Protein backbone atom coordinates (compact mmCIF):
# COMPACT_ATOMS: atom_id res chain seq x y z
CA UNK A 1 3.46 -62.59 12.00
CA UNK A 2 0.36 -60.63 13.07
CA UNK A 3 -0.72 -59.44 16.47
CA UNK A 4 -4.19 -58.55 17.62
CA UNK A 5 -5.16 -56.74 20.85
CA UNK A 6 -8.33 -56.38 22.68
CA UNK A 7 -9.28 -53.51 24.97
CA UNK A 8 -8.98 -55.02 28.42
CA UNK A 9 -9.53 -52.11 30.84
CA UNK A 10 -9.67 -48.28 30.88
CA UNK A 11 -9.16 -45.91 33.66
CA UNK A 12 -10.89 -42.67 32.57
CA UNK A 13 -10.23 -40.41 35.55
CA UNK A 14 -6.70 -41.51 36.61
CA UNK A 15 -5.48 -37.80 36.70
CA UNK A 16 -6.97 -34.45 36.74
CA UNK A 17 -5.58 -33.58 33.34
CA UNK A 18 -4.15 -35.23 30.31
CA UNK A 19 -1.42 -37.94 30.87
CA UNK A 20 1.90 -37.36 29.34
CA UNK A 21 4.32 -39.74 31.13
CA UNK A 22 4.39 -43.51 31.46
CA UNK A 23 6.60 -46.08 33.04
CA UNK A 24 5.87 -49.78 33.29
CA UNK A 25 7.26 -52.47 35.50
CA UNK A 26 6.13 -56.15 35.93
CA UNK A 27 3.93 -55.12 38.77
CA UNK A 28 3.25 -51.26 38.53
CA UNK A 29 2.18 -48.82 35.92
CA UNK A 30 3.38 -45.26 36.66
CA UNK A 31 1.75 -42.24 35.13
CA UNK A 32 2.31 -38.56 35.29
CA UNK A 33 0.19 -35.61 34.02
CA UNK A 34 -0.16 -31.83 34.30
CA UNK A 35 -1.12 -32.30 37.98
CA UNK A 36 1.59 -32.79 40.68
CA UNK A 37 0.91 -36.46 41.55
CA UNK A 38 2.38 -39.51 40.14
CA UNK A 39 0.01 -42.38 40.24
CA UNK A 40 1.05 -46.03 40.52
CA UNK A 41 -1.59 -48.60 39.35
CA UNK A 42 -1.26 -52.45 39.36
CA UNK A 43 -0.10 -53.89 36.23
CA UNK A 44 -0.97 -57.51 37.10
CA UNK A 45 -4.45 -57.16 38.50
CA UNK A 46 -7.02 -57.20 35.71
CA UNK A 47 -8.81 -54.23 37.38
CA UNK A 48 -5.55 -52.28 37.64
CA UNK A 49 -6.38 -50.71 41.06
CA UNK A 50 -4.37 -47.66 42.36
CA UNK A 51 -1.63 -49.00 44.52
CA UNK A 52 0.15 -45.76 45.58
CA UNK A 53 0.45 -42.05 44.93
CA UNK A 54 3.53 -39.81 45.06
CA UNK A 55 1.85 -36.73 46.11
CA UNK A 56 3.48 -33.37 45.06
CA UNK A 57 5.98 -35.12 43.06
CA UNK A 58 6.27 -32.20 40.75
CA UNK A 59 4.66 -28.80 41.52
CA UNK A 60 3.87 -28.03 37.92
CA UNK A 61 3.12 -31.60 36.76
CA UNK A 62 5.17 -34.52 35.19
CA UNK A 63 5.98 -35.03 31.57
CA UNK A 64 8.55 -37.98 31.53
CA UNK A 65 8.81 -41.09 33.58
CA UNK A 66 11.48 -43.87 33.07
CA UNK A 67 11.86 -47.13 35.04
CA UNK A 68 14.57 -49.64 35.29
CA UNK A 69 14.04 -52.99 33.68
CA UNK A 70 14.33 -54.66 37.09
CA UNK A 71 11.51 -52.41 38.29
CA UNK A 72 13.38 -51.31 41.45
CA UNK A 73 13.92 -47.66 40.62
CA UNK A 74 12.30 -44.90 38.54
CA UNK A 75 13.09 -41.30 37.54
CA UNK A 76 10.59 -38.61 36.73
CA UNK A 77 11.02 -34.99 35.27
CA UNK A 78 8.58 -32.23 35.70
CA UNK A 79 7.58 -28.94 33.93
CA UNK A 80 9.38 -26.94 36.53
CA UNK A 81 12.82 -28.64 35.46
CA UNK A 82 13.25 -31.14 38.43
CA UNK A 83 14.31 -34.70 38.12
CA UNK A 84 13.18 -37.01 41.03
CA UNK A 85 14.41 -40.51 41.69
CA UNK A 86 12.01 -42.99 43.23
CA UNK A 87 12.54 -46.26 45.20
CA UNK A 88 9.76 -48.60 43.87
CA UNK A 89 10.45 -51.33 46.33
CA UNK A 90 9.76 -49.14 49.31
CA UNK A 91 7.62 -46.51 47.48
CA UNK A 92 9.42 -43.49 48.57
CA UNK A 93 11.63 -40.71 47.24
CA UNK A 94 15.36 -41.78 46.53
CA UNK A 95 17.00 -38.45 45.75
CA UNK A 96 17.01 -35.68 43.05
CA UNK A 97 19.18 -34.63 40.14
CA UNK A 98 19.90 -30.97 40.62
CA UNK A 99 20.87 -29.69 37.28
CA UNK A 100 18.67 -26.68 36.76
CA UNK A 101 21.12 -23.68 37.21
CA UNK A 102 23.78 -25.37 35.02
CA UNK A 103 21.89 -26.75 31.98
CA UNK A 104 18.57 -25.08 32.07
CA UNK A 105 15.38 -27.08 32.58
CA UNK A 106 15.78 -30.76 32.18
CA UNK A 107 13.20 -32.31 29.73
CA UNK A 108 13.72 -35.89 28.70
CA UNK A 109 15.16 -38.74 30.83
CA UNK A 110 16.10 -42.42 30.54
CA UNK A 111 17.13 -44.65 33.30
CA UNK A 112 19.48 -47.64 32.69
CA UNK A 113 18.25 -51.30 32.88
CA UNK A 114 19.94 -51.85 36.10
CA UNK A 115 18.85 -48.47 37.58
CA UNK A 116 22.39 -47.20 38.21
CA UNK A 117 22.63 -44.49 35.44
CA UNK A 118 20.38 -41.73 34.19
CA UNK A 119 20.46 -39.93 30.96
CA UNK A 120 18.99 -36.41 30.83
CA UNK A 121 18.41 -33.75 28.21
CA UNK A 122 17.74 -30.13 28.56
CA UNK A 123 16.26 -27.15 26.90
CA UNK A 124 19.70 -25.78 26.06
CA UNK A 125 20.72 -29.01 24.36
CA UNK A 126 22.96 -30.42 27.07
CA UNK A 127 22.82 -34.30 27.18
CA UNK A 128 24.37 -35.77 30.48
CA UNK A 129 24.88 -39.18 32.00
CA UNK A 130 24.58 -39.42 35.79
CA UNK A 131 25.70 -42.10 38.34
CA UNK A 132 22.67 -42.57 40.65
CA UNK A 133 24.66 -44.90 43.00
CA UNK A 134 26.90 -41.99 44.07
CA UNK A 135 26.23 -39.57 46.99
CA UNK A 136 25.99 -36.94 45.87
CA UNK A 137 24.87 -38.10 42.40
CA UNK A 138 27.85 -37.78 40.17
CA UNK A 139 27.88 -36.48 36.57
CA UNK A 140 29.75 -38.84 34.38
CA UNK A 141 29.35 -37.46 30.83
CA UNK A 142 28.38 -34.08 29.40
CA UNK A 143 27.65 -33.86 25.62
CA UNK A 144 27.05 -30.79 23.63
CA UNK A 145 24.44 -30.73 20.90
CA UNK A 146 24.53 -27.26 19.25
CA UNK A 147 22.35 -25.72 21.92
CA UNK A 148 19.13 -27.11 20.51
CA UNK A 149 16.27 -28.31 22.74
CA UNK A 150 16.66 -32.06 23.51
CA UNK A 151 13.07 -33.45 23.31
CA UNK A 152 13.93 -37.16 23.92
CA UNK A 153 16.93 -39.35 25.04
CA UNK A 154 17.58 -43.04 25.47
CA UNK A 155 20.25 -45.37 26.94
CA UNK A 156 21.06 -48.73 25.35
CA UNK A 157 20.47 -51.75 27.35
CA UNK A 158 24.06 -52.09 28.56
CA UNK A 159 24.37 -48.27 29.04
CA UNK A 160 27.30 -48.02 26.60
CA UNK A 161 25.46 -45.89 24.17
CA UNK A 162 23.30 -42.79 24.51
CA UNK A 163 20.98 -41.16 21.97
CA UNK A 164 19.22 -37.84 21.85
CA UNK A 165 16.50 -36.33 19.60
CA UNK A 166 16.12 -32.55 19.15
CA UNK A 167 13.55 -29.91 18.24
CA UNK A 168 15.49 -29.22 15.00
CA UNK A 169 15.35 -32.67 13.84
CA UNK A 170 18.85 -33.55 14.92
CA UNK A 171 19.64 -37.06 16.31
CA UNK A 172 22.96 -37.86 18.04
CA UNK A 173 24.52 -40.98 19.24
CA UNK A 174 27.09 -41.02 21.92
CA UNK A 175 29.66 -43.63 23.24
CA UNK A 176 29.45 -43.43 27.05
CA UNK A 177 32.73 -45.44 27.39
CA UNK A 178 34.87 -42.94 25.33
CA UNK A 179 32.64 -39.78 25.89
CA UNK A 180 32.65 -39.14 22.12
CA UNK A 181 29.85 -38.64 19.54
CA UNK A 182 29.57 -41.60 17.26
CA UNK A 183 27.06 -40.19 14.79
CA UNK A 184 25.14 -37.00 13.93
CA UNK A 185 22.13 -38.24 12.03
CA UNK A 186 20.40 -35.98 9.43
CA UNK A 187 17.45 -35.91 7.18
CA UNK A 188 14.49 -35.54 9.65
CA UNK A 189 14.32 -31.71 9.75
CA UNK A 190 11.14 -31.54 12.05
CA UNK A 191 11.07 -32.07 15.88
CA UNK A 192 12.11 -35.53 17.19
CA UNK A 193 9.69 -36.65 19.99
CA UNK A 194 10.63 -40.25 20.65
CA UNK A 195 13.81 -42.28 20.47
CA UNK A 196 14.69 -45.92 21.40
CA UNK A 197 17.46 -48.37 21.08
CA UNK A 198 16.55 -51.95 20.09
CA UNK A 199 17.20 -54.51 22.82
CA UNK A 200 20.48 -55.58 21.24
CA UNK A 201 21.64 -51.94 20.65
CA UNK A 202 22.00 -52.52 16.97
CA UNK A 203 19.17 -50.35 15.77
CA UNK A 204 17.66 -46.96 16.84
CA UNK A 205 13.99 -46.06 16.24
CA UNK A 206 13.19 -42.33 15.91
CA UNK A 207 9.81 -40.71 15.60
CA UNK A 208 8.44 -37.14 15.63
CA UNK A 209 6.60 -34.48 13.66
CA UNK A 210 7.74 -35.94 10.41
CA UNK A 211 4.92 -38.70 10.80
CA UNK A 212 7.23 -41.60 9.93
CA UNK A 213 9.18 -43.90 12.26
CA UNK A 214 12.77 -43.85 11.02
CA UNK A 215 15.09 -46.88 11.68
CA UNK A 216 18.87 -46.34 11.88
CA UNK A 217 21.74 -48.84 11.99
CA UNK A 218 23.62 -47.76 15.08
CA UNK A 219 27.08 -49.03 13.85
CA UNK A 220 27.02 -47.21 10.52
CA UNK A 221 24.58 -44.40 11.22
CA UNK A 222 22.66 -45.12 8.16
CA UNK A 223 18.92 -44.86 7.92
CA UNK A 224 17.88 -48.40 6.85
CA UNK A 225 14.11 -48.07 6.37
CA UNK A 226 10.95 -46.19 7.48
CA UNK A 227 7.68 -47.25 8.90
CA UNK A 228 4.80 -45.13 7.38
CA UNK A 229 1.15 -44.94 8.54
CA UNK A 230 0.41 -42.41 11.14
CA UNK A 231 -1.30 -39.15 9.91
CA UNK A 232 0.12 -36.70 12.46
CA UNK A 233 2.92 -36.32 15.00
CA UNK A 234 4.28 -39.56 16.44
CA UNK A 235 4.94 -39.03 20.19
CA UNK A 236 6.55 -42.17 21.29
CA UNK A 237 8.21 -45.32 20.23
CA UNK A 238 9.19 -48.50 22.14
CA UNK A 239 10.52 -52.06 21.35
CA UNK A 240 9.15 -55.36 22.65
CA UNK A 241 11.63 -57.42 24.64
CA UNK A 242 12.75 -59.55 21.70
CA UNK A 243 13.11 -56.73 19.18
CA UNK A 244 10.60 -58.27 16.71
CA UNK A 245 8.02 -55.46 17.17
CA UNK A 246 7.78 -51.81 17.69
CA UNK A 247 4.79 -49.78 19.16
CA UNK A 248 4.20 -46.16 18.43
CA UNK A 249 1.62 -43.56 19.72
CA UNK A 250 0.47 -40.49 17.86
CA UNK A 251 -1.54 -37.20 18.04
CA UNK A 252 -3.83 -38.84 15.54
CA UNK A 253 -5.24 -40.96 18.28
CA UNK A 254 -3.75 -44.29 16.90
CA UNK A 255 -1.49 -46.70 18.47
CA UNK A 256 0.40 -48.83 15.95
CA UNK A 257 2.33 -51.98 16.27
CA UNK A 258 4.95 -52.75 13.55
CA UNK A 259 6.62 -55.90 12.61
CA UNK A 260 10.43 -55.86 12.01
CA UNK A 261 10.20 -59.02 10.04
CA UNK A 262 7.57 -57.75 7.53
CA UNK A 263 8.40 -54.21 7.89
CA UNK A 264 4.71 -53.45 8.14
CA UNK A 265 1.98 -52.39 10.42
CA UNK A 266 0.34 -55.53 12.12
CA UNK A 267 -2.08 -53.78 14.46
CA UNK A 268 -3.77 -50.39 14.72
CA UNK A 269 -5.58 -49.43 17.98
CA UNK A 270 -7.62 -46.39 19.04
CA UNK A 271 -10.62 -44.69 17.33
CA UNK A 272 -11.27 -41.72 19.70
CA UNK A 273 -9.20 -39.32 17.80
CA UNK A 274 -7.64 -38.01 20.96
CA UNK A 275 -3.92 -37.79 21.20
CA UNK A 276 -2.01 -40.90 22.75
CA UNK A 277 1.11 -39.48 24.25
CA UNK A 278 2.84 -42.80 25.31
CA UNK A 279 2.70 -46.40 24.76
CA UNK A 280 4.55 -49.35 26.35
CA UNK A 281 4.56 -53.15 25.99
CA UNK A 282 3.66 -55.04 29.16
CA UNK A 283 5.37 -58.50 29.09
CA UNK A 284 3.46 -61.53 30.34
CA UNK A 285 6.01 -64.31 30.38
CA UNK A 286 4.81 -67.48 28.64
CA UNK A 287 1.62 -65.92 27.45
CA UNK A 288 2.22 -62.71 25.38
CA UNK A 289 2.70 -59.06 25.59
CA UNK A 290 0.00 -56.64 26.50
CA UNK A 291 -0.03 -52.84 25.71
CA UNK A 292 -0.72 -49.78 27.79
CA UNK A 293 -1.33 -46.27 26.45
CA UNK A 294 -1.87 -42.98 28.08
CA UNK A 295 -3.44 -39.80 26.92
CA UNK A 296 -6.88 -38.56 28.21
CA UNK A 297 -7.04 -41.91 30.02
CA UNK A 298 -5.02 -45.13 30.68
CA UNK A 299 -5.91 -47.90 28.41
CA UNK A 300 -4.85 -51.58 28.79
CA UNK A 301 -4.83 -53.92 25.77
CA UNK A 302 -4.62 -57.70 25.98
CA UNK A 303 -2.96 -59.58 23.41
CA UNK A 304 -5.13 -62.18 21.43
CA UNK A 305 -4.70 -64.67 18.93
CA UNK A 306 -6.01 -64.33 15.33
CA UNK A 307 -5.54 -61.90 12.33
CA UNK A 308 -4.81 -58.35 13.03
CA UNK A 309 -5.77 -55.14 11.13
CA UNK A 310 -3.08 -52.89 9.98
């Protein structure tokens, strides 16, 4: 099966600096950069107008955004180490995870599908699960990972599993029900920048400075195959809703879509050569799946029929 995408819309001056963070709901695209504001653009309108701005969200800028599948809540993490919670229905702040003094600066974040849990990773390697429904916010799990900078984290769709990727190439999978480590995955050596459970939680996709996208079996911990094709660091990886396709973005300026059936690249996008920091699928029920990427600008791609170029 092939996929082809056409550039639908670009927003060149969405932020004052490079855009590092991206979160997508059925109605909103949230982006964060080296500037304090988080911008919310329309996902549905073809012109993707600016709908709202969270001013001064992070004083030193925002590097990660994660949104719940239902689209009601988001979390963001900033370069100063703060983690903010956002109510997307009322477009207002909804709390903060205060973990700076205990675990060092928080870096990656992942919110659960229902928006009730948040997974965080820190500079000193602590990986923690938080209950966002409690007041004050309650720490549920605290995992140790050999004191190595956690660069990316992800929660499985049912929140039963957590995964983290680290600066030294380490990848860990944890069972949130028992509080125990399931697997310590080896063989990557270089920094891990993106990590994502498949929709069923059976597979884990991992990317980073090693330039390949490694796919692991979550049950066994075995590396089952690699996707090869990027020419530089791979910054992000995400699954589509069915788990049939993966999308990745890279420092080489390319965004690639990979087929799990053929185990090959079915689409390559981007010719500017400028880094693409994040990519996300944008579901259009009954029509297809669009893509949105961020880097120097926000770019929306519309899925089209016909053969695709790998």
